[in-house]
PDB file of N, CA and C in Angstrom:
ATOM      1  N   MET A   1      11.085   6.562  18.142  1.00  0.00           N
ATOM      2  CA  MET A   1      11.361   6.461  16.727  1.00  0.00           C
ATOM      3  C   MET A   1      10.355   5.376  16.437  1.00  0.00           C
ATOM      4  N   THR A   2       9.498   5.677  15.159  1.00  0.00           N
ATOM      5  CA  THR A   2       8.773   5.108  14.897  1.00  0.00           C
ATOM      6  C   THR A   2       9.312   3.871  13.665  1.00  0.00           C
ATOM      7  N   LYS A   3       8.750   2.656  13.821  1.00  0.00           N
ATOM      8  CA  LYS A   3       9.280   1.623  12.940  1.00  0.00           C
ATOM      9  C   LYS A   3       8.155   1.481  11.994  1.00  0.00           C
ATOM     10  N   TRP A   4       8.151   1.062  11.109  1.00  0.00           N
ATOM     11  CA  TRP A   4       7.161   0.914   9.927  1.00  0.00           C
ATOM     12  C   TRP A   4       7.447  -0.761   9.254  1.00  0.00           C
ATOM     13  N   GLU A   5       6.108  -1.376   8.957  1.00  0.00           N
ATOM     14  CA  GLU A   5       6.248  -2.312   7.602  1.00  0.00           C
ATOM     15  C   GLU A   5       5.916  -1.705   6.875  1.00  0.00           C
ATOM     16  N   TYR A   6       5.960  -2.604   5.581  1.00  0.00           N
ATOM     17  CA  TYR A   6       5.652  -2.124   4.217  1.00  0.00           C
ATOM     18  C   TYR A   6       5.122  -3.342   3.597  1.00  0.00           C
ATOM     19  N   PHE A   7       4.065  -2.741   2.710  1.00  0.00           N
ATOM     20  CA  PHE A   7       3.207  -3.844   2.045  1.00  0.00           C
ATOM     21  C   PHE A   7       3.557  -3.443   0.189  1.00  0.00           C
ATOM     22  N   ILE A   8       3.236  -4.176  -0.955  1.00  0.00           N
ATOM     23  CA  ILE A   8       3.325  -4.069  -2.137  1.00  0.00           C
ATOM     24  C   ILE A   8       2.242  -4.674  -2.823  1.00  0.00           C
ATOM     25  N   THR A   9       1.370  -3.747  -3.499  1.00  0.00           N
ATOM     26  CA  THR A   9       0.616  -4.803  -4.251  1.00  0.00           C
ATOM     27  C   THR A   9      -0.415  -4.134  -5.291  1.00  0.00           C
ATOM     28  N   PRO A  10      -0.413  -5.089  -6.172  1.00  0.00           N
ATOM     29  CA  PRO A  10      -0.918  -4.578  -7.584  1.00  0.00           C
ATOM     30  C   PRO A  10      -1.821  -4.224  -7.499  1.00  0.00           C
ATOM     31  N   LEU A  11      -2.576  -2.776  -8.235  1.00  0.00           N
ATOM     32  CA  LEU A  11      -3.759  -2.074  -8.648  1.00  0.00           C
ATOM     33  C   LEU A  11      -4.062  -2.497 -10.017  1.00  0.00           C
ATOM     34  N   PRO A  12      -5.338  -3.512  -9.790  1.00  0.00           N
ATOM     35  CA  PRO A  12      -6.178  -3.419 -10.873  1.00  0.00           C
ATOM     36  C   PRO A  12      -6.531  -1.985 -11.413  1.00  0.00           C
ATOM     37  N   LEU A  13      -6.594  -1.733 -12.918  1.00  0.00           N
ATOM     38  CA  LEU A  13      -6.880  -0.604 -13.379  1.00  0.00           C
ATOM     39  C   LEU A  13      -8.632  -0.455 -13.348  1.00  0.00           C
ATOM     40  N   HIS A  14      -9.209  -1.119 -13.382  1.00  0.00           N
ATOM     41  CA  HIS A  14     -10.741  -0.630 -13.128  1.00  0.00           C
ATOM     42  C   HIS A  14     -11.281  -0.472 -11.745  1.00  0.00           C
ATOM     43  N   THR A  15     -10.368  -1.048 -10.769  1.00  0.00           N
ATOM     44  CA  THR A  15     -10.599  -0.485  -9.091  1.00  0.00           C
ATOM     45  C   THR A  15      -9.768   0.109  -8.434  1.00  0.00           C
ATOM     46  N   PRO A  16      -9.072   0.820  -8.895  1.00  0.00           N
ATOM     47  CA  PRO A  16      -7.760   1.190  -8.148  1.00  0.00           C
ATOM     48  C   PRO A  16      -7.938   1.822  -6.593  1.00  0.00           C
ATOM     49  N   GLY A  17      -9.128   2.398  -6.533  1.00  0.00           N
ATOM     50  CA  GLY A  17      -9.666   3.275  -5.503  1.00  0.00           C
ATOM     51  C   GLY A  17     -10.222   2.407  -4.251  1.00  0.00           C
ATOM     52  N   ALA A  18     -10.869   1.354  -4.814  1.00  0.00           N
ATOM     53  CA  ALA A  18     -11.354   0.520  -4.088  1.00  0.00           C
ATOM     54  C   ALA A  18     -10.276  -0.573  -3.405  1.00  0.00           C
ATOM     55  N   ILE A  19      -9.572  -0.546  -3.905  1.00  0.00           N
ATOM     56  CA  ILE A  19      -7.946  -1.589  -3.221  1.00  0.00           C
ATOM     57  C   ILE A  19      -7.619  -0.560  -2.409  1.00  0.00           C
ATOM     58  N   LEU A  20      -7.250   0.641  -2.781  1.00  0.00           N
ATOM     59  CA  LEU A  20      -6.612   1.600  -1.548  1.00  0.00           C
ATOM     60  C   LEU A  20      -7.392   2.038  -0.521  1.00  0.00           C
ATOM     61  N   ASN A  21      -8.876   2.134  -0.737  1.00  0.00           N
ATOM     62  CA  ASN A  21      -9.770   2.177   0.304  1.00  0.00           C
ATOM     63  C   ASN A  21      -9.352   1.436   1.479  1.00  0.00           C
ATOM     64  N   ASN A  22      -9.542  -0.179   0.954  1.00  0.00           N
ATOM     65  CA  ASN A  22      -9.856  -1.487   1.760  1.00  0.00           C
ATOM     66  C   ASN A  22      -8.408  -1.469   2.389  1.00  0.00           C
ATOM     67  N   TRP A  23      -7.241  -1.346   1.709  1.00  0.00           N
ATOM     68  CA  TRP A  23      -5.816  -1.378   2.609  1.00  0.00           C
ATOM     69  C   TRP A  23      -5.967   0.333   3.301  1.00  0.00           C
ATOM     70  N   GLY A  24      -6.625   0.943   3.467  1.00  0.00           N
ATOM     71  CA  GLY A  24      -6.472   2.193   4.291  1.00  0.00           C
ATOM     72  C   GLY A  24      -7.515   2.192   5.535  1.00  0.00           C
ATOM     73  N   LYS A  25      -8.453   1.199   4.925  1.00  0.00           N
ATOM     74  CA  LYS A  25      -9.271   1.116   6.591  1.00  0.00           C
ATOM     75  C   LYS A  25      -8.359   0.079   7.338  1.00  0.00           C
ATOM     76  N   GLN A  26      -7.465  -0.643   6.955  1.00  0.00           N
ATOM     77  CA  GLN A  26      -6.811  -1.747   7.462  1.00  0.00           C
ATOM     78  C   GLN A  26      -5.157  -0.929   7.983  1.00  0.00           C
ATOM     79  N   GLY A  27      -5.376   0.279   7.815  1.00  0.00           N
ATOM     80  CA  GLY A  27      -4.058   1.129   8.534  1.00  0.00           C
ATOM     81  C   GLY A  27      -3.172   1.540   7.808  1.00  0.00           C
ATOM     82  N   TRP A  28      -3.146   1.136   6.434  1.00  0.00           N
ATOM     83  CA  TRP A  28      -1.797   1.215   5.158  1.00  0.00           C
ATOM     84  C   TRP A  28      -1.983   2.559   4.699  1.00  0.00           C
ATOM     85  N   GLU A  29      -0.898   3.420   4.668  1.00  0.00           N
ATOM     86  CA  GLU A  29      -0.928   4.702   4.136  1.00  0.00           C
ATOM     87  C   GLU A  29       0.024   4.311   2.728  1.00  0.00           C
ATOM     88  N   LEU A  30      -0.946   5.086   1.885  1.00  0.00           N
ATOM     89  CA  LEU A  30      -0.078   5.121   0.481  1.00  0.00           C
ATOM     90  C   LEU A  30       1.116   5.551   0.289  1.00  0.00           C
ATOM     91  N   VAL A  31       2.309   5.291  -0.399  1.00  0.00           N
ATOM     92  CA  VAL A  31       3.477   6.008  -0.262  1.00  0.00           C
ATOM     93  C   VAL A  31       3.957   6.154  -1.576  1.00  0.00           C
ATOM     94  N   GLN A  32       3.518   5.373  -2.573  1.00  0.00           N
ATOM     95  CA  GLN A  32       3.870   5.442  -4.015  1.00  0.00           C
ATOM     96  C   GLN A  32       2.979   4.826  -4.741  1.00  0.00           C
ATOM     97  N   ILE A  33       2.890   5.254  -5.830  1.00  0.00           N
ATOM     98  CA  ILE A  33       2.046   4.095  -7.066  1.00  0.00           C
ATOM     99  C   ILE A  33       3.321   4.229  -8.037  1.00  0.00           C
ATOM    100  N   VAL A  34       3.866   3.214  -8.517  1.00  0.00           N
ATOM    101  CA  VAL A  34       4.443   2.864 -10.157  1.00  0.00           C
ATOM    102  C   VAL A  34       3.967   2.309 -10.794  1.00  0.00           C
ATOM    103  N   VAL A  35       4.007   2.771 -12.428  1.00  0.00           N
ATOM    104  CA  VAL A  35       3.192   2.127 -13.498  1.00  0.00           C
ATOM    105  C   VAL A  35       4.486   1.518 -14.137  1.00  0.00           C
ATOM    106  N   ASN A  36       4.495   0.367 -14.544  1.00  0.00           N
ATOM    107  CA  ASN A  36       5.417  -0.497 -15.231  1.00  0.00           C
ATOM    108  C   ASN A  36       5.080  -0.504 -16.888  1.00  0.00           C
ATOM    109  N   ASP A  37       6.122  -0.663 -17.535  1.00  0.00           N
ATOM    110  CA  ASP A  37       5.977  -0.510 -19.062  1.00  0.00           C
ATOM    111  C   ASP A  37       4.792  -0.918 -19.764  1.00  0.00           C
ATOM    112  N   GLN A  38       4.152  -2.094 -19.215  1.00  0.00           N
ATOM    113  CA  GLN A  38       3.459  -2.572 -19.899  1.00  0.00           C
ATOM    114  C   GLN A  38       1.735  -2.100 -19.216  1.00  0.00           C
ATOM    115  N   GLY A  39       1.964  -0.934 -18.500  1.00  0.00           N
ATOM    116  CA  GLY A  39       0.853  -0.039 -17.820  1.00  0.00           C
ATOM    117  C   GLY A  39      -0.089  -0.670 -16.599  1.00  0.00           C
ATOM    118  N   GLY A  40       0.819  -1.408 -15.946  1.00  0.00           N
ATOM    119  CA  GLY A  40       0.329  -1.939 -14.923  1.00  0.00           C
ATOM    120  C   GLY A  40       0.651  -0.732 -13.333  1.00  0.00           C
ATOM    121  N   SER A  41       0.021  -1.146 -12.728  1.00  0.00           N
ATOM    122  CA  SER A  41       0.503  -0.128 -11.300  1.00  0.00           C
ATOM    123  C   SER A  41       0.401  -1.101 -10.177  1.00  0.00           C
ATOM    124  N   VAL A  42       1.698  -0.618  -9.427  1.00  0.00           N
ATOM    125  CA  VAL A  42       2.059  -1.209  -8.164  1.00  0.00           C
ATOM    126  C   VAL A  42       2.182  -0.298  -7.215  1.00  0.00           C
ATOM    127  N   ALA A  43       1.390  -0.356  -5.865  1.00  0.00           N
ATOM    128  CA  ALA A  43       1.187   0.720  -4.714  1.00  0.00           C
ATOM    129  C   ALA A  43       1.997  -0.023  -3.553  1.00  0.00           C
ATOM    130  N   TYR A  44       2.950   1.093  -3.128  1.00  0.00           N
ATOM    131  CA  TYR A  44       3.865   0.817  -2.156  1.00  0.00           C
ATOM    132  C   TYR A  44       3.110   1.406  -0.931  1.00  0.00           C
ATOM    133  N   MET A  45       3.080   0.662   0.084  1.00  0.00           N
ATOM    134  CA  MET A  45       2.198   1.240   1.162  1.00  0.00           C
ATOM    135  C   MET A  45       3.093   0.909   2.479  1.00  0.00           C
ATOM    136  N   LYS A  46       2.957   1.608   3.916  1.00  0.00           N
ATOM    137  CA  LYS A  46       3.288   1.382   4.664  1.00  0.00           C
ATOM    138  C   LYS A  46       2.036   1.820   6.206  1.00  0.00           C
ATOM    139  N   ARG A  47       2.765   1.210   7.249  1.00  0.00           N
ATOM    140  CA  ARG A  47       2.023   1.606   8.776  1.00  0.00           C
ATOM    141  C   ARG A  47       2.993   1.312   9.832  1.00  0.00           C
ATOM    142  N   PRO A  48       2.679   2.051  10.587  1.00  0.00           N
ATOM    143  CA  PRO A  48       3.559   2.200  11.821  1.00  0.00           C
ATOM    144  C   PRO A  48       3.229   0.358  12.500  1.00  0.00           C
ATOM    145  N   LEU A  49       4.532  -0.111  13.162  1.00  0.00           N
ATOM    146  CA  LEU A  49       4.421  -1.665  13.537  1.00  0.00           C
ATOM    147  C   LEU A  49       3.615  -1.384  14.817  1.00  0.00           C
ATOM    148  N   GLU A  50       2.690  -2.275  15.274  1.00  0.00           N
ATOM    149  CA  GLU A  50       2.524  -2.418  16.482  1.00  0.00           C
ATOM    150  C   GLU A  50       3.627  -2.844  17.484  1.00  0.00           C
ATOM    151  N   ASP A  51       3.466  -2.454  19.092  1.00  0.00           N
ATOM    152  CA  ASP A  51       4.341  -2.703  20.000  1.00  0.00           C
ATOM    153  C   ASP A  51       4.982  -3.995  19.937  1.00  0.00           C
ATOM    154  N   SER A  52       3.718  -4.739  19.754  1.00  0.00           N
ATOM    155  CA  SER A  52       4.124  -6.603  19.881  1.00  0.00           C
ATOM    156  C   SER A  52       5.196  -7.037  18.870  1.00  0.00           C
ATOM    157  N   ALA A  53       4.998  -6.257  17.829  1.00  0.00           N
ATOM    158  CA  ALA A  53       5.431  -6.666  16.607  1.00  0.00           C
ATOM    159  C   ALA A  53       7.009  -6.392  16.690  1.00  0.00           C
ATOM    160  N   MET A  54       7.272  -5.313  17.656  1.00  0.00           N
ATOM    161  CA  MET A  54       9.058  -4.753  17.251  1.00  0.00           C
ATOM    162  C   MET A  54       9.952  -5.617  17.948  1.00  0.00           C
TER     163      MET A  54
END
């Protein structure tokens, strides 16, 4: 069974693609983007845990 670690990060309005590409290069997969009432966005990311981290 795959075990996951999760990461939550704000997404600036002017560079969301650059932020997501940076995290993707580090093995993070985008799960969801949530927009709050004030218009800000937050990205929820996941990646498989390394064997040593289990």
